[in-house]
N, C-alpha and C. Protein backbone atom coordinates (compact mmCIF):
# COMPACT_ATOMS: atom_id res chain seq x y z
N MET A 1 -47.52 64.91 -83.85
CA MET A 1 -48.55 65.14 -84.91
C MET A 1 -49.36 66.12 -84.13
N ALA A 2 -49.94 67.34 -84.38
CA ALA A 2 -50.85 68.24 -83.93
C ALA A 2 -52.52 67.12 -83.57
N ILE A 3 -53.03 67.44 -82.48
CA ILE A 3 -54.05 66.98 -82.22
C ILE A 3 -55.39 67.76 -82.61
N ALA A 4 -56.18 67.58 -83.93
CA ALA A 4 -56.86 68.35 -84.83
C ALA A 4 -58.31 68.72 -83.83
N LYS A 5 -58.76 69.66 -84.00
CA LYS A 5 -60.26 70.37 -83.33
C LYS A 5 -61.08 69.40 -83.91
N ILE A 6 -62.04 69.51 -83.55
CA ILE A 6 -63.63 69.07 -83.81
C ILE A 6 -63.87 69.06 -85.30
N ASN A 7 -64.14 70.04 -85.32
CA ASN A 7 -64.65 71.15 -86.77
C ASN A 7 -63.59 70.12 -88.06
N ASP A 8 -62.20 70.53 -87.78
CA ASP A 8 -61.80 69.81 -88.75
C ASP A 8 -61.72 68.43 -88.86
N LEU A 9 -62.09 67.55 -88.28
CA LEU A 9 -62.14 66.07 -88.38
C LEU A 9 -63.58 66.05 -88.97
N ARG A 10 -64.33 66.81 -88.34
CA ARG A 10 -65.71 66.64 -88.98
C ARG A 10 -65.69 66.94 -90.75
N ALA A 11 -65.02 67.53 -91.50
CA ALA A 11 -64.78 67.90 -92.51
C ALA A 11 -63.87 66.91 -93.71
N LEU A 12 -63.28 65.49 -92.78
CA LEU A 12 -62.55 64.68 -92.74
C LEU A 12 -63.49 63.03 -93.34
N ALA A 13 -63.17 62.62 -94.40
CA ALA A 13 -63.49 61.26 -94.96
C ALA A 13 -63.87 60.29 -93.60
N PRO A 14 -64.61 59.64 -94.10
CA PRO A 14 -64.49 58.39 -92.88
C PRO A 14 -63.27 57.12 -92.93
N ASP A 15 -63.03 57.40 -93.78
CA ASP A 15 -61.48 56.63 -93.96
C ASP A 15 -60.34 57.27 -93.57
N GLU A 16 -60.76 58.37 -94.30
CA GLU A 16 -59.26 59.07 -93.57
C GLU A 16 -58.99 59.17 -91.64
N LEU A 17 -60.43 59.58 -91.31
CA LEU A 17 -60.72 59.46 -90.07
C LEU A 17 -60.29 57.76 -89.08
N SER A 18 -60.58 56.91 -89.76
CA SER A 18 -59.87 55.72 -89.27
C SER A 18 -58.32 55.73 -89.10
N LYS A 19 -58.15 56.49 -90.57
CA LYS A 19 -56.28 56.11 -90.57
C LYS A 19 -56.29 56.88 -89.35
N ARG A 20 -56.50 58.07 -89.31
CA ARG A 20 -55.80 58.88 -87.69
C ARG A 20 -56.42 58.36 -86.18
N LEU A 21 -57.58 57.47 -86.40
CA LEU A 21 -57.60 56.64 -85.42
C LEU A 21 -56.65 55.96 -84.56
N GLU A 22 -56.38 55.15 -85.98
CA GLU A 22 -55.22 53.99 -85.71
C GLU A 22 -54.14 54.72 -85.71
N THR A 23 -53.45 55.71 -86.37
CA THR A 23 -52.70 56.46 -85.75
C THR A 23 -52.44 57.14 -84.37
N TYR A 24 -53.44 57.72 -83.61
CA TYR A 24 -53.34 57.94 -82.61
C TYR A 24 -53.20 57.58 -81.40
N GLU A 25 -53.99 55.79 -81.47
CA GLU A 25 -54.02 54.93 -80.99
C GLU A 25 -52.50 54.39 -80.85
N ARG A 26 -52.01 54.46 -81.90
CA ARG A 26 -50.57 53.65 -82.06
C ARG A 26 -49.93 54.97 -81.25
N GLU A 27 -50.22 55.99 -81.19
CA GLU A 27 -49.04 56.68 -80.59
C GLU A 27 -49.52 56.90 -79.15
N MET A 28 -50.87 56.12 -78.71
CA MET A 28 -51.00 56.41 -77.53
C MET A 28 -49.95 55.52 -76.71
N LEU A 29 -49.84 54.51 -77.25
CA LEU A 29 -49.17 53.05 -76.92
C LEU A 29 -47.37 53.44 -76.96
N GLU A 30 -46.82 54.82 -77.68
CA GLU A 30 -45.91 54.89 -77.43
C GLU A 30 -45.57 56.32 -76.92
N ALA A 31 -46.74 56.56 -75.72
CA ALA A 31 -46.50 57.77 -75.63
C ALA A 31 -45.11 58.00 -74.23
N GLY A 32 -44.43 59.37 -74.74
CA GLY A 32 -43.14 59.41 -73.63
C GLY A 32 -43.47 60.00 -72.95
N ASP A 33 -42.83 61.09 -72.50
CA ASP A 33 -42.99 61.23 -71.14
C ASP A 33 -43.72 62.51 -70.90
N ASN A 34 -43.91 63.14 -71.59
CA ASN A 34 -45.14 64.38 -71.80
C ASN A 34 -46.15 63.85 -71.43
N PRO A 35 -47.06 64.30 -69.82
CA PRO A 35 -47.85 63.83 -69.33
C PRO A 35 -48.88 64.13 -70.10
N LYS A 36 -48.92 65.44 -70.90
CA LYS A 36 -49.70 65.88 -71.30
C LYS A 36 -50.59 64.92 -72.66
N LYS A 37 -49.70 64.51 -73.25
CA LYS A 37 -49.52 64.01 -74.38
C LYS A 37 -50.93 62.79 -74.95
N PRO A 38 -50.86 61.60 -73.41
CA PRO A 38 -51.84 60.19 -73.18
C PRO A 38 -52.81 61.06 -72.91
N ARG A 39 -53.11 62.16 -72.55
CA ARG A 39 -54.45 63.01 -72.19
C ARG A 39 -55.34 63.68 -73.22
N ASN A 40 -54.30 64.14 -74.41
CA ASN A 40 -54.92 64.99 -75.85
C ASN A 40 -55.15 63.47 -76.84
N LEU A 41 -54.34 62.51 -76.70
CA LEU A 41 -54.46 61.66 -77.65
C LEU A 41 -56.02 60.90 -77.11
N ARG A 42 -56.34 60.61 -75.95
CA ARG A 42 -57.56 59.77 -75.68
C ARG A 42 -58.79 60.84 -75.93
N LYS A 43 -58.38 61.91 -75.67
CA LYS A 43 -59.54 63.29 -76.27
C LYS A 43 -59.81 63.10 -77.43
N ALA A 44 -58.64 62.89 -78.54
CA ALA A 44 -58.70 63.27 -79.73
C ALA A 44 -59.08 61.59 -80.45
N ILE A 45 -58.75 60.47 -79.39
CA ILE A 45 -59.45 58.79 -79.85
C ILE A 45 -61.40 59.40 -79.75
N ALA A 46 -61.87 59.84 -78.12
CA ALA A 46 -62.89 59.55 -78.39
C ALA A 46 -63.27 61.23 -79.35
N ARG A 47 -63.24 62.00 -79.85
CA ARG A 47 -63.88 62.56 -81.15
C ARG A 47 -64.14 61.68 -81.85
N ILE A 48 -62.71 61.37 -82.33
CA ILE A 48 -63.27 60.42 -83.92
C ILE A 48 -63.80 59.47 -83.89
N LYS A 49 -64.15 58.78 -82.52
CA LYS A 49 -65.16 57.73 -82.41
C LYS A 49 -66.44 58.15 -82.08
N THR A 50 -66.34 59.83 -81.78
CA THR A 50 -67.88 59.98 -81.94
C THR A 50 -68.72 60.71 -82.96
N ILE A 51 -67.35 61.16 -84.05
CA ILE A 51 -67.51 61.57 -85.31
C ILE A 51 -68.30 60.17 -86.44
N LEU A 52 -67.47 58.86 -86.41
CA LEU A 52 -68.07 58.15 -87.01
C LEU A 52 -69.01 57.28 -86.63
N ASN A 53 -69.82 57.40 -85.04
CA ASN A 53 -70.69 57.26 -84.94
C ASN A 53 -71.65 57.48 -84.81
N GLU A 54 -72.10 58.88 -85.13
CA GLU A 54 -72.28 60.06 -85.49
C GLU A 54 -73.26 59.00 -86.90
N GLU A 55 -72.01 59.18 -87.87
CA GLU A 55 -72.41 58.88 -89.81
C GLU A 55 -72.77 57.93 -89.55
N LYS A 56 -72.41 56.80 -88.66
CA LYS A 56 -73.15 55.40 -88.56
C LYS A 56 -74.20 55.61 -88.40
N ASN A 57 -75.18 56.34 -87.45
CA ASN A 57 -76.20 56.52 -86.84
C ASN A 57 -77.14 57.64 -87.43
N ALA A 58 -76.65 58.37 -88.30
CA ALA A 58 -77.10 59.46 -89.20
C ALA A 58 -78.27 59.03 -90.28
N PRO A 59 -78.45 57.62 -90.62
CA PRO A 59 -79.67 57.48 -91.36
C PRO A 59 -80.68 56.53 -90.65
N LYS A 60 -80.19 56.14 -89.62
CA LYS A 60 -80.93 55.47 -88.46
C LYS A 60 -82.02 56.71 -87.86
N LYS A 61 -81.65 58.07 -87.63
CA LYS A 61 -81.82 59.04 -87.01
C LYS A 61 -82.74 59.45 -88.08
N ALA A 62 -82.57 60.04 -88.98
CA ALA A 62 -83.38 60.50 -90.17
C ALA A 62 -84.64 59.76 -90.54
N GLU A 63 -84.67 58.73 -90.56
CA GLU A 63 -85.58 57.50 -91.04
C GLU A 63 -86.75 57.79 -89.85
N ALA A 64 -86.32 57.53 -88.64
CA ALA A 64 -87.11 57.47 -87.09
C ALA A 64 -87.69 58.77 -87.28
N HIS A 65 -87.17 59.97 -87.84
CA HIS A 65 -87.96 61.27 -87.83
C HIS A 65 -88.51 61.34 -88.88
N LYS A 66 -88.92 60.55 -90.06
CA LYS A 66 -89.13 60.77 -91.50
C LYS A 66 -90.89 59.63 -90.34
N LYS A 67 -90.83 58.78 -89.86
CA LYS A 67 -91.75 58.00 -89.48
C LYS A 67 -92.43 58.91 -88.40
N GLN A 68 -91.41 59.40 -87.68
CA GLN A 68 -92.36 60.07 -86.45
C GLN A 68 -93.38 61.59 -87.31
N GLU A 69 -92.99 62.34 -88.36
CA GLU A 69 -93.71 62.95 -88.68
C GLU A 69 -94.81 62.66 -89.67
N ALA A 70 -94.49 61.32 -89.89
CA ALA A 70 -95.51 60.89 -90.79
C ALA A 70 -96.72 60.26 -90.19
N LYS A 71 -96.95 60.14 -88.85
CA LYS A 71 -98.10 59.83 -87.60
C LYS A 71 -98.58 61.14 -87.63
N PRO A 72 -100.15 60.73 -88.24
CA PRO A 72 -100.72 62.12 -87.61
C PRO A 72 -100.97 62.30 -85.99
N GLU A 73 -101.57 63.28 -85.49
CA GLU A 73 -101.43 63.77 -84.27
C GLU A 73 -102.69 63.30 -83.85
N LYS A 74 -102.64 62.96 -82.55
CA LYS A 74 -103.86 62.91 -81.91
C LYS A 74 -104.76 63.38 -81.40
N LYS A 75 -106.03 63.64 -81.21
CA LYS A 75 -106.67 64.66 -80.97
C LYS A 75 -107.12 64.34 -79.74
N LYS A 76 -106.76 65.26 -78.23
CA LYS A 76 -107.07 64.78 -77.39
C LYS A 76 -108.40 65.14 -76.84
N VAL A 77 -109.55 64.30 -76.30
CA VAL A 77 -110.83 64.29 -75.72
C VAL A 77 -110.79 64.48 -74.15
N LYS A 78 -111.64 65.55 -74.10
CA LYS A 78 -111.69 66.16 -72.47
C LYS A 78 -112.84 65.27 -72.19
């Protein structure tokens, strides 16, 4: 299985990302003689985990951003 690029992974649904994560982790355990394969798999796993965390934390960030905008700016007194 070819290792996907970040833009390709972002287009996938979270359940598909979870399936790929499991597949890559399984392949990591069964890595053969190719010395580059474990490195590429680790990178792919990190990419997927990053995307999943971004999606999980996105509502929190949006909510915090709205609260920040709702606060009126304080005027500085000299």
